[in-house]
Amino acid sequence: MSKQKKTTHVVPNKKDGGWDIKQGGGQRSSGNFDRKSDAIDRARDISKNLGSELYIHNKDGKIGSKDSHGNDPHPPKG
């Protein structure tokens, strides 16, 4: 049985506008923000607390960038 990694996502809210923070596999939002930068700041705090991967999506819903706060499969050397 494989252990599924935790993920936190910043995604556009197409219905109400703004940006939502959601956990991977979850439907409910952990918060809605008018500005993407505010959502990213809060999501980064949540991701650090959970030790999860942070996925930041673009307006079109595609992943724009990632940030690891857990078990990084490619940690930096040195």
N, C-alpha and C. Protein backbone atom coordinates (compact mmCIF):
# COMPACT_ATOMS: atom_id res chain seq x y z
N MET A 1 0.85 -1.19 0.00
CA MET A 1 0.00 0.00 0.00
C MET A 1 0.88 1.24 0.00
N SER A 2 0.74 2.07 -1.01
CA SER A 2 1.59 3.25 -1.11
C SER A 2 1.00 4.41 -0.33
N LYS A 3 1.89 5.19 0.24
CA LYS A 3 1.46 6.35 1.00
C LYS A 3 1.33 7.54 0.04
N GLN A 4 0.14 8.12 0.00
CA GLN A 4 -0.10 9.24 -0.89
C GLN A 4 0.45 10.51 -0.25
N LYS A 5 1.20 11.31 -1.03
CA LYS A 5 1.75 12.54 -0.46
C LYS A 5 0.70 13.62 -0.35
N LYS A 6 0.86 14.45 0.66
CA LYS A 6 -0.07 15.55 0.88
C LYS A 6 0.26 16.68 -0.08
N THR A 7 -0.78 17.33 -0.58
CA THR A 7 -0.58 18.47 -1.47
C THR A 7 -1.51 19.61 -1.08
N THR A 8 -1.03 20.82 -1.27
CA THR A 8 -1.81 22.03 -1.06
C THR A 8 -1.79 22.80 -2.38
N HIS A 9 -2.94 23.32 -2.79
CA HIS A 9 -3.05 23.98 -4.10
C HIS A 9 -3.63 25.39 -3.96
N VAL A 10 -3.06 26.33 -4.73
CA VAL A 10 -3.65 27.65 -4.91
C VAL A 10 -4.27 27.62 -6.30
N VAL A 11 -5.60 27.74 -6.34
CA VAL A 11 -6.33 27.60 -7.61
C VAL A 11 -7.27 28.77 -7.82
N PRO A 12 -7.53 29.12 -9.10
CA PRO A 12 -8.50 30.19 -9.36
C PRO A 12 -9.91 29.73 -9.03
N ASN A 13 -10.70 30.62 -8.45
CA ASN A 13 -12.10 30.31 -8.17
C ASN A 13 -12.93 30.87 -9.32
N LYS A 14 -13.31 29.99 -10.23
CA LYS A 14 -14.01 30.43 -11.43
C LYS A 14 -15.44 30.89 -11.14
N LYS A 15 -16.03 30.39 -10.07
CA LYS A 15 -17.41 30.75 -9.74
C LYS A 15 -17.51 32.11 -9.05
N ASP A 16 -16.72 32.28 -7.99
CA ASP A 16 -16.82 33.50 -7.17
C ASP A 16 -15.72 34.51 -7.42
N GLY A 17 -14.72 34.14 -8.22
CA GLY A 17 -13.58 35.03 -8.45
C GLY A 17 -12.54 34.87 -7.35
N GLY A 18 -11.40 35.43 -7.58
CA GLY A 18 -10.32 35.36 -6.61
C GLY A 18 -9.59 34.02 -6.67
N TRP A 19 -8.94 33.67 -5.57
CA TRP A 19 -8.08 32.49 -5.49
C TRP A 19 -8.42 31.69 -4.25
N ASP A 20 -8.48 30.38 -4.40
CA ASP A 20 -8.77 29.48 -3.29
C ASP A 20 -7.55 28.65 -2.93
N ILE A 21 -7.52 28.20 -1.68
CA ILE A 21 -6.53 27.25 -1.21
C ILE A 21 -7.27 25.95 -0.97
N LYS A 22 -6.80 24.87 -1.60
CA LYS A 22 -7.44 23.57 -1.43
C LYS A 22 -6.39 22.51 -1.15
N GLN A 23 -6.80 21.50 -0.40
CA GLN A 23 -5.94 20.34 -0.16
C GLN A 23 -6.19 19.33 -1.26
N GLY A 24 -5.14 18.63 -1.66
CA GLY A 24 -5.27 17.62 -2.71
C GLY A 24 -6.34 16.61 -2.37
N GLY A 25 -7.25 16.36 -3.30
CA GLY A 25 -8.34 15.42 -3.10
C GLY A 25 -9.53 16.00 -2.37
N GLY A 26 -9.41 17.23 -1.89
CA GLY A 26 -10.51 17.86 -1.15
C GLY A 26 -11.35 18.75 -2.03
N GLN A 27 -12.56 18.98 -1.62
CA GLN A 27 -13.48 19.84 -2.37
C GLN A 27 -13.61 21.22 -1.74
N ARG A 28 -13.53 21.27 -0.41
CA ARG A 28 -13.72 22.54 0.30
C ARG A 28 -12.47 23.41 0.22
N SER A 29 -12.71 24.70 0.20
CA SER A 29 -11.62 25.67 0.18
C SER A 29 -11.17 25.98 1.60
N SER A 30 -9.86 26.13 1.78
CA SER A 30 -9.31 26.54 3.07
C SER A 30 -9.28 28.06 3.19
N GLY A 31 -9.70 28.75 2.14
CA GLY A 31 -9.74 30.20 2.17
C GLY A 31 -9.86 30.75 0.77
N ASN A 32 -10.51 31.92 0.64
CA ASN A 32 -10.64 32.60 -0.64
C ASN A 32 -10.01 33.98 -0.49
N PHE A 33 -9.21 34.36 -1.48
CA PHE A 33 -8.48 35.61 -1.44
C PHE A 33 -8.67 36.37 -2.74
N ASP A 34 -8.75 37.69 -2.66
CA ASP A 34 -8.88 38.51 -3.86
C ASP A 34 -7.58 38.50 -4.67
N ARG A 35 -6.45 38.54 -3.96
CA ARG A 35 -5.15 38.59 -4.63
C ARG A 35 -4.44 37.24 -4.56
N LYS A 36 -3.85 36.84 -5.67
CA LYS A 36 -3.13 35.57 -5.74
C LYS A 36 -1.97 35.56 -4.74
N SER A 37 -1.27 36.68 -4.61
CA SER A 37 -0.11 36.74 -3.70
C SER A 37 -0.52 36.49 -2.25
N ASP A 38 -1.71 36.96 -1.85
CA ASP A 38 -2.20 36.72 -0.49
C ASP A 38 -2.51 35.23 -0.29
N ALA A 39 -3.11 34.62 -1.32
CA ALA A 39 -3.42 33.19 -1.25
C ALA A 39 -2.14 32.36 -1.16
N ILE A 40 -1.12 32.75 -1.93
CA ILE A 40 0.15 32.02 -1.90
C ILE A 40 0.80 32.12 -0.54
N ASP A 41 0.81 33.31 0.05
CA ASP A 41 1.42 33.49 1.39
C ASP A 41 0.75 32.59 2.41
N ARG A 42 -0.59 32.57 2.42
CA ARG A 42 -1.32 31.73 3.39
C ARG A 42 -1.13 30.25 3.08
N ALA A 43 -1.16 29.88 1.80
CA ALA A 43 -0.98 28.48 1.41
C ALA A 43 0.41 27.98 1.78
N ARG A 44 1.41 28.85 1.68
CA ARG A 44 2.78 28.47 2.05
C ARG A 44 2.85 28.14 3.54
N ASP A 45 2.18 28.94 4.37
CA ASP A 45 2.14 28.66 5.82
C ASP A 45 1.46 27.31 6.08
N ILE A 46 0.33 27.08 5.43
CA ILE A 46 -0.41 25.81 5.60
C ILE A 46 0.46 24.64 5.15
N SER A 47 1.10 24.80 4.00
CA SER A 47 1.93 23.73 3.43
C SER A 47 3.10 23.40 4.35
N LYS A 48 3.72 24.41 4.93
CA LYS A 48 4.83 24.18 5.87
C LYS A 48 4.34 23.42 7.09
N ASN A 49 3.18 23.80 7.62
CA ASN A 49 2.64 23.13 8.80
C ASN A 49 2.29 21.68 8.53
N LEU A 50 1.81 21.39 7.31
CA LEU A 50 1.41 20.03 6.95
C LEU A 50 2.57 19.21 6.38
N GLY A 51 3.67 19.88 6.02
CA GLY A 51 4.77 19.19 5.37
C GLY A 51 4.36 18.68 4.00
N SER A 52 3.64 19.52 3.25
CA SER A 52 3.10 19.10 1.96
C SER A 52 3.78 19.81 0.80
N GLU A 53 3.48 19.33 -0.40
CA GLU A 53 3.90 19.99 -1.63
C GLU A 53 2.91 21.11 -1.91
N LEU A 54 3.43 22.27 -2.31
CA LEU A 54 2.57 23.40 -2.66
C LEU A 54 2.55 23.55 -4.17
N TYR A 55 1.36 23.50 -4.76
CA TYR A 55 1.17 23.68 -6.19
C TYR A 55 0.45 25.00 -6.42
N ILE A 56 1.06 25.88 -7.21
CA ILE A 56 0.47 27.18 -7.50
C ILE A 56 0.01 27.16 -8.95
N HIS A 57 -1.30 27.27 -9.16
CA HIS A 57 -1.89 27.19 -10.49
C HIS A 57 -2.00 28.57 -11.12
N ASN A 58 -2.02 28.60 -12.45
CA ASN A 58 -2.26 29.82 -13.21
C ASN A 58 -3.76 30.04 -13.35
N LYS A 59 -4.14 31.16 -13.95
CA LYS A 59 -5.57 31.46 -14.15
C LYS A 59 -6.28 30.40 -14.96
N ASP A 60 -5.55 29.73 -15.87
CA ASP A 60 -6.16 28.71 -16.71
C ASP A 60 -6.28 27.36 -15.99
N GLY A 61 -5.80 27.30 -14.74
CA GLY A 61 -5.91 26.08 -13.94
C GLY A 61 -4.70 25.17 -14.02
N LYS A 62 -3.79 25.43 -14.96
CA LYS A 62 -2.59 24.60 -15.09
C LYS A 62 -1.59 24.98 -14.01
N ILE A 63 -0.78 24.00 -13.58
CA ILE A 63 0.22 24.26 -12.55
C ILE A 63 1.30 25.17 -13.11
N GLY A 64 1.53 26.28 -12.42
CA GLY A 64 2.54 27.25 -12.83
C GLY A 64 3.86 27.05 -12.13
N SER A 65 3.79 26.67 -10.83
CA SER A 65 5.01 26.43 -10.07
C SER A 65 4.71 25.52 -8.89
N LYS A 66 5.79 24.97 -8.32
CA LYS A 66 5.67 24.07 -7.17
C LYS A 66 6.69 24.48 -6.12
N ASP A 67 6.38 24.13 -4.89
CA ASP A 67 7.28 24.40 -3.77
C ASP A 67 7.12 23.25 -2.78
N SER A 68 8.21 22.65 -2.36
CA SER A 68 8.15 21.50 -1.48
C SER A 68 8.40 21.89 -0.04
N HIS A 69 7.49 21.46 0.86
CA HIS A 69 7.66 21.70 2.28
C HIS A 69 7.63 20.40 3.08
N GLY A 70 7.83 19.31 2.39
CA GLY A 70 7.78 18.01 3.06
C GLY A 70 8.97 17.16 2.65
N ASN A 71 8.68 15.95 2.26
CA ASN A 71 9.72 15.04 1.83
C ASN A 71 10.06 15.33 0.38
N ASP A 72 11.02 16.20 0.17
CA ASP A 72 11.43 16.61 -1.16
C ASP A 72 12.14 15.45 -1.86
N PRO A 73 11.63 14.99 -3.00
CA PRO A 73 12.29 13.88 -3.70
C PRO A 73 13.63 14.28 -4.29
N HIS A 74 13.90 15.59 -4.45
CA HIS A 74 15.16 16.07 -5.00
C HIS A 74 15.72 17.20 -4.14
N PRO A 75 16.16 16.88 -2.91
CA PRO A 75 16.65 17.96 -2.04
C PRO A 75 17.96 18.55 -2.60
N PRO A 76 18.21 19.82 -2.31
CA PRO A 76 19.46 20.44 -2.78
C PRO A 76 20.67 19.81 -2.10
N LYS A 77 21.79 19.77 -2.83
CA LYS A 77 23.01 19.20 -2.26
C LYS A 77 23.80 20.30 -1.57
N GLY A 78 24.49 19.89 -0.50
CA GLY A 78 25.40 20.83 0.15
C GLY A 78 24.87 21.53 1.26
